């Protein structure tokens, strides 16, 4: 039987791994939790979409024109993501040439840069009102909790490893 099935679900993000640890489970990293990835990518897409919607589309237009622009924006954000992937790959290559990010796999480096861009956009959403502001705040709190749990897990793993 597959070990990961018998142990229960494993998670990529440190916050979820920390919560599993608190319940007495296995807090090892797994990179195959599809549901976790889908939820985070959907949240990122929504933040990017709302960021551009609040920055680009003026509210004084006719409602039908705003609706049309919002539909076009959905495709534009997808194109922006392709451009962002390219820019991130160039940044990663430059960082590796300078001696940074040498040991980090490309997918993790992409995740770091992608998270930085999304967090910056979430900070900009804090200037909005209503539920858009709340979404930006939820993202920022989730990122802070994820970083805090990553620190706890790193210190816990360092304390459990025998000295060489």
C-alpha atoms as a PDB file:
ATOM      1  CA  UNK A   1       0.000   0.000   0.000  1.00  0.00           C
ATOM      2  CA  UNK A   2       1.189   3.494  -0.747  1.00  0.00           C
ATOM      3  CA  UNK A   3       2.714   5.073   2.372  1.00  0.00           C
ATOM      4  CA  UNK A   4       1.234   8.517   1.755  1.00  0.00           C
ATOM      5  CA  UNK A   5      -2.273   7.046   1.555  1.00  0.00           C
ATOM      6  CA  UNK A   6      -1.892   5.227   4.853  1.00  0.00           C
ATOM      7  CA  UNK A   7      -0.448   8.286   6.594  1.00  0.00           C
ATOM      8  CA  UNK A   8      -3.192  10.627   5.445  1.00  0.00           C
ATOM      9  CA  UNK A   9      -2.875  13.717   3.297  1.00  0.00           C
ATOM     10  CA  UNK A  10       0.392  15.607   3.157  1.00  0.00           C
ATOM     11  CA  UNK A  11       0.705  19.270   2.287  1.00  0.00           C
ATOM     12  CA  UNK A  12       3.074  21.623   0.492  1.00  0.00           C
ATOM     13  CA  UNK A  13       2.364  24.793   2.469  1.00  0.00           C
ATOM     14  CA  UNK A  14       3.902  25.002   5.913  1.00  0.00           C
ATOM     15  CA  UNK A  15       0.749  26.293   7.624  1.00  0.00           C
ATOM     16  CA  UNK A  16      -1.187  23.160   6.738  1.00  0.00           C
ATOM     17  CA  UNK A  17       1.794  20.953   7.617  1.00  0.00           C
ATOM     18  CA  UNK A  18       2.046  22.731  10.987  1.00  0.00           C
ATOM     19  CA  UNK A  19      -1.658  22.141  11.674  1.00  0.00           C
ATOM     20  CA  UNK A  20      -1.188  18.434  10.863  1.00  0.00           C
ATOM     21  CA  UNK A  21       1.793  18.367  13.235  1.00  0.00           C
ATOM     22  CA  UNK A  22      -0.314  19.887  16.028  1.00  0.00           C
ATOM     23  CA  UNK A  23      -2.829  17.066  15.527  1.00  0.00           C
ATOM     24  CA  UNK A  24      -0.055  14.493  15.824  1.00  0.00           C
ATOM     25  CA  UNK A  25       0.362  13.755  12.114  1.00  0.00           C
ATOM     26  CA  UNK A  26       3.304  13.629   9.747  1.00  0.00           C
ATOM     27  CA  UNK A  27       4.515  17.137   8.832  1.00  0.00           C
ATOM     28  CA  UNK A  28       6.758  16.158   5.933  1.00  0.00           C
ATOM     29  CA  UNK A  29       6.428  18.155   2.707  1.00  0.00           C
ATOM     30  CA  UNK A  30       4.416  16.695  -0.147  1.00  0.00           C
ATOM     31  CA  UNK A  31       4.211  18.300  -3.571  1.00  0.00           C
ATOM     32  CA  UNK A  32       1.264  16.362  -4.900  1.00  0.00           C
ATOM     33  CA  UNK A  33      -1.768  17.771  -3.057  1.00  0.00           C
ATOM     34  CA  UNK A  34      -3.875  18.934  -6.009  1.00  0.00           C
ATOM     35  CA  UNK A  35      -6.703  20.471  -3.983  1.00  0.00           C
ATOM     36  CA  UNK A  36      -4.303  22.651  -2.021  1.00  0.00           C
ATOM     37  CA  UNK A  37      -2.651  23.845  -5.223  1.00  0.00           C
ATOM     38  CA  UNK A  38      -5.957  24.624  -6.920  1.00  0.00           C
ATOM     39  CA  UNK A  39      -7.227  26.699  -4.002  1.00  0.00           C
ATOM     40  CA  UNK A  40      -4.026  28.747  -3.811  1.00  0.00           C
ATOM     41  CA  UNK A  41      -3.832  29.293  -7.576  1.00  0.00           C
ATOM     42  CA  UNK A  42      -7.478  30.364  -7.659  1.00  0.00           C
ATOM     43  CA  UNK A  43      -6.834  32.819  -4.827  1.00  0.00           C
ATOM     44  CA  UNK A  44      -3.766  34.176  -6.632  1.00  0.00           C
ATOM     45  CA  UNK A  45      -5.679  34.575  -9.880  1.00  0.00           C
ATOM     46  CA  UNK A  46      -8.477  36.396  -8.053  1.00  0.00           C
ATOM     47  CA  UNK A  47      -6.010  38.779  -6.401  1.00  0.00           C
ATOM     48  CA  UNK A  48      -4.263  39.517  -9.704  1.00  0.00           C
ATOM     49  CA  UNK A  49      -7.617  39.946 -11.471  1.00  0.00           C
ATOM     50  CA  UNK A  50      -8.989  42.309  -8.822  1.00  0.00           C
ATOM     51  CA  UNK A  51      -5.733  44.254  -8.703  1.00  0.00           C
ATOM     52  CA  UNK A  52      -5.896  45.000 -12.420  1.00  0.00           C
ATOM     53  CA  UNK A  53      -9.645  45.580 -12.306  1.00  0.00           C
ATOM     54  CA  UNK A  54      -9.266  48.226  -9.593  1.00  0.00           C
ATOM     55  CA  UNK A  55      -6.268  49.838 -11.314  1.00  0.00           C
ATOM     56  CA  UNK A  56      -7.415  49.834 -14.949  1.00  0.00           C
ATOM     57  CA  UNK A  57     -11.211  49.921 -15.199  1.00  0.00           C
ATOM     58  CA  UNK A  58     -12.828  53.260 -14.309  1.00  0.00           C
ATOM     59  CA  UNK A  59     -16.198  53.001 -12.575  1.00  0.00           C
ATOM     60  CA  UNK A  60     -17.712  55.945 -14.436  1.00  0.00           C
ATOM     61  CA  UNK A  61     -18.220  53.902 -17.617  1.00  0.00           C
ATOM     62  CA  UNK A  62     -21.515  52.394 -18.692  1.00  0.00           C
ATOM     63  CA  UNK A  63     -22.288  49.090 -16.899  1.00  0.00           C
ATOM     64  CA  UNK A  64     -22.266  47.086 -20.144  1.00  0.00           C
ATOM     65  CA  UNK A  65     -18.820  48.450 -20.992  1.00  0.00           C
ATOM     66  CA  UNK A  66     -17.506  47.610 -17.525  1.00  0.00           C
ATOM     67  CA  UNK A  67     -18.822  44.051 -17.917  1.00  0.00           C
ATOM     68  CA  UNK A  68     -17.134  43.749 -21.318  1.00  0.00           C
ATOM     69  CA  UNK A  69     -13.848  45.066 -19.937  1.00  0.00           C
ATOM     70  CA  UNK A  70     -14.021  42.610 -17.022  1.00  0.00           C
ATOM     71  CA  UNK A  71     -14.403  39.715 -19.473  1.00  0.00           C
ATOM     72  CA  UNK A  72     -11.462  40.946 -21.539  1.00  0.00           C
ATOM     73  CA  UNK A  73      -9.475  41.408 -18.335  1.00  0.00           C
ATOM     74  CA  UNK A  74      -9.850  37.708 -17.493  1.00  0.00           C
ATOM     75  CA  UNK A  75      -7.898  36.837 -20.655  1.00  0.00           C
ATOM     76  CA  UNK A  76      -5.451  39.692 -20.150  1.00  0.00           C
ATOM     77  CA  UNK A  77      -4.542  38.399 -16.680  1.00  0.00           C
ATOM     78  CA  UNK A  78      -3.796  34.994 -18.211  1.00  0.00           C
ATOM     79  CA  UNK A  79      -1.416  36.692 -20.674  1.00  0.00           C
ATOM     80  CA  UNK A  80       0.101  38.642 -17.776  1.00  0.00           C
ATOM     81  CA  UNK A  81       0.768  35.327 -16.021  1.00  0.00           C
ATOM     82  CA  UNK A  82       2.657  34.049 -19.059  1.00  0.00           C
ATOM     83  CA  UNK A  83       4.731  37.220 -19.081  1.00  0.00           C
ATOM     84  CA  UNK A  84       5.301  36.918 -15.335  1.00  0.00           C
ATOM     85  CA  UNK A  85       6.567  33.348 -15.755  1.00  0.00           C
ATOM     86  CA  UNK A  86       9.063  34.550 -18.352  1.00  0.00           C
ATOM     87  CA  UNK A  87      10.213  37.496 -16.219  1.00  0.00           C
ATOM     88  CA  UNK A  88      10.559  35.203 -13.199  1.00  0.00           C
ATOM     89  CA  UNK A  89      12.700  32.773 -15.211  1.00  0.00           C
ATOM     90  CA  UNK A  90      14.995  35.617 -16.249  1.00  0.00           C
ATOM     91  CA  UNK A  91      15.241  36.826 -12.629  1.00  0.00           C
ATOM     92  CA  UNK A  92      16.047  33.288 -11.463  1.00  0.00           C
ATOM     93  CA  UNK A  93      18.795  32.954 -14.082  1.00  0.00           C
ATOM     94  CA  UNK A  94      20.293  36.286 -12.985  1.00  0.00           C
ATOM     95  CA  UNK A  95      20.131  35.273  -9.314  1.00  0.00           C
ATOM     96  CA  UNK A  96      21.826  31.966 -10.069  1.00  0.00           C
ATOM     97  CA  UNK A  97      24.591  33.714 -12.006  1.00  0.00           C
ATOM     98  CA  UNK A  98      25.145  36.001  -9.014  1.00  0.00           C
ATOM     99  CA  UNK A  99      25.363  33.004  -6.671  1.00  0.00           C
ATOM    100  CA  UNK A 100      21.882  33.125  -5.144  1.00  0.00           C
ATOM    101  CA  UNK A 101      19.135  30.504  -5.565  1.00  0.00           C
ATOM    102  CA  UNK A 102      21.721  27.949  -6.728  1.00  0.00           C
ATOM    103  CA  UNK A 103      20.382  25.097  -4.617  1.00  0.00           C
ATOM    104  CA  UNK A 104      16.685  25.965  -4.839  1.00  0.00           C
ATOM    105  CA  UNK A 105      14.760  24.085  -7.552  1.00  0.00           C
ATOM    106  CA  UNK A 106      13.277  26.279 -10.270  1.00  0.00           C
ATOM    107  CA  UNK A 107       9.678  25.509  -9.277  1.00  0.00           C
ATOM    108  CA  UNK A 108      10.340  26.685  -5.695  1.00  0.00           C
ATOM    109  CA  UNK A 109      12.108  29.811  -6.896  1.00  0.00           C
ATOM    110  CA  UNK A 110       9.124  30.504  -9.184  1.00  0.00           C
ATOM    111  CA  UNK A 111       6.804  30.023  -6.191  1.00  0.00           C
ATOM    112  CA  UNK A 112       8.797  32.523  -4.152  1.00  0.00           C
ATOM    113  CA  UNK A 113       8.739  35.182  -6.871  1.00  0.00           C
ATOM    114  CA  UNK A 114       5.086  34.477  -7.672  1.00  0.00           C
ATOM    115  CA  UNK A 115       4.205  34.852  -3.983  1.00  0.00           C
ATOM    116  CA  UNK A 116       6.072  38.149  -3.756  1.00  0.00           C
ATOM    117  CA  UNK A 117       4.176  39.559  -6.746  1.00  0.00           C
ATOM    118  CA  UNK A 118       0.826  38.382  -5.389  1.00  0.00           C
ATOM    119  CA  UNK A 119       1.554  39.771  -1.931  1.00  0.00           C
ATOM    120  CA  UNK A 120       2.473  43.155  -3.424  1.00  0.00           C
ATOM    121  CA  UNK A 121      -0.819  43.178  -5.332  1.00  0.00           C
ATOM    122  CA  UNK A 122      -2.708  42.174  -2.169  1.00  0.00           C
ATOM    123  CA  UNK A 123      -1.123  45.132  -0.367  1.00  0.00           C
ATOM    124  CA  UNK A 124      -2.430  47.408  -3.113  1.00  0.00           C
ATOM    125  CA  UNK A 125      -5.910  45.896  -2.676  1.00  0.00           C
ATOM    126  CA  UNK A 126      -5.921  47.179   0.915  1.00  0.00           C
ATOM    127  CA  UNK A 127      -6.573  50.647  -0.531  1.00  0.00           C
ATOM    128  CA  UNK A 128      -9.889  49.414  -1.975  1.00  0.00           C
ATOM    129  CA  UNK A 129     -13.136  49.111  -0.070  1.00  0.00           C
ATOM    130  CA  UNK A 130     -15.452  46.279   0.882  1.00  0.00           C
ATOM    131  CA  UNK A 131     -14.788  42.641   0.112  1.00  0.00           C
ATOM    132  CA  UNK A 132     -11.872  43.426  -2.200  1.00  0.00           C
ATOM    133  CA  UNK A 133      -9.988  44.927   0.733  1.00  0.00           C
ATOM    134  CA  UNK A 134     -10.902  41.913   2.872  1.00  0.00           C
ATOM    135  CA  UNK A 135      -9.542  39.519   0.248  1.00  0.00           C
ATOM    136  CA  UNK A 136      -6.224  41.369   0.239  1.00  0.00           C
ATOM    137  CA  UNK A 137      -6.123  41.252   4.040  1.00  0.00           C
ATOM    138  CA  UNK A 138      -6.928  37.513   4.068  1.00  0.00           C
ATOM    139  CA  UNK A 139      -4.043  36.871   1.667  1.00  0.00           C
ATOM    140  CA  UNK A 140      -1.618  38.894   3.797  1.00  0.00           C
ATOM    141  CA  UNK A 141      -2.674  37.121   7.011  1.00  0.00           C
ATOM    142  CA  UNK A 142      -2.371  33.724   5.305  1.00  0.00           C
ATOM    143  CA  UNK A 143       1.135  34.581   4.059  1.00  0.00           C
ATOM    144  CA  UNK A 144       2.192  35.769   7.521  1.00  0.00           C
ATOM    145  CA  UNK A 145       0.811  32.623   9.162  1.00  0.00           C
ATOM    146  CA  UNK A 146       2.503  30.445   6.524  1.00  0.00           C
ATOM    147  CA  UNK A 147       5.871  32.138   7.103  1.00  0.00           C
ATOM    148  CA  UNK A 148       5.515  31.836  10.891  1.00  0.00           C
ATOM    149  CA  UNK A 149       4.661  28.143  10.652  1.00  0.00           C
ATOM    150  CA  UNK A 150       7.605  27.620   8.262  1.00  0.00           C
ATOM    151  CA  UNK A 151       9.905  29.129  10.890  1.00  0.00           C
ATOM    152  CA  UNK A 152       8.456  26.868  13.610  1.00  0.00           C
ATOM    153  CA  UNK A 153       8.823  23.779  11.415  1.00  0.00           C
ATOM    154  CA  UNK A 154      12.404  24.740  10.473  1.00  0.00           C
ATOM    155  CA  UNK A 155      13.406  25.241  14.125  1.00  0.00           C
ATOM    156  CA  UNK A 156      11.667  21.983  15.094  1.00  0.00           C
ATOM    157  CA  UNK A 157      13.495  20.034  12.362  1.00  0.00           C
ATOM    158  CA  UNK A 158      16.822  21.634  13.290  1.00  0.00           C
ATOM    159  CA  UNK A 159      16.303  20.729  16.960  1.00  0.00           C
ATOM    160  CA  UNK A 160      15.472  17.097  16.099  1.00  0.00           C
ATOM    161  CA  UNK A 161      18.481  16.474  13.818  1.00  0.00           C
ATOM    162  CA  UNK A 162      21.516  15.004  15.529  1.00  0.00           C
ATOM    163  CA  UNK A 163      24.655  17.127  15.547  1.00  0.00           C
ATOM    164  CA  UNK A 164      27.455  16.010  13.189  1.00  0.00           C
END
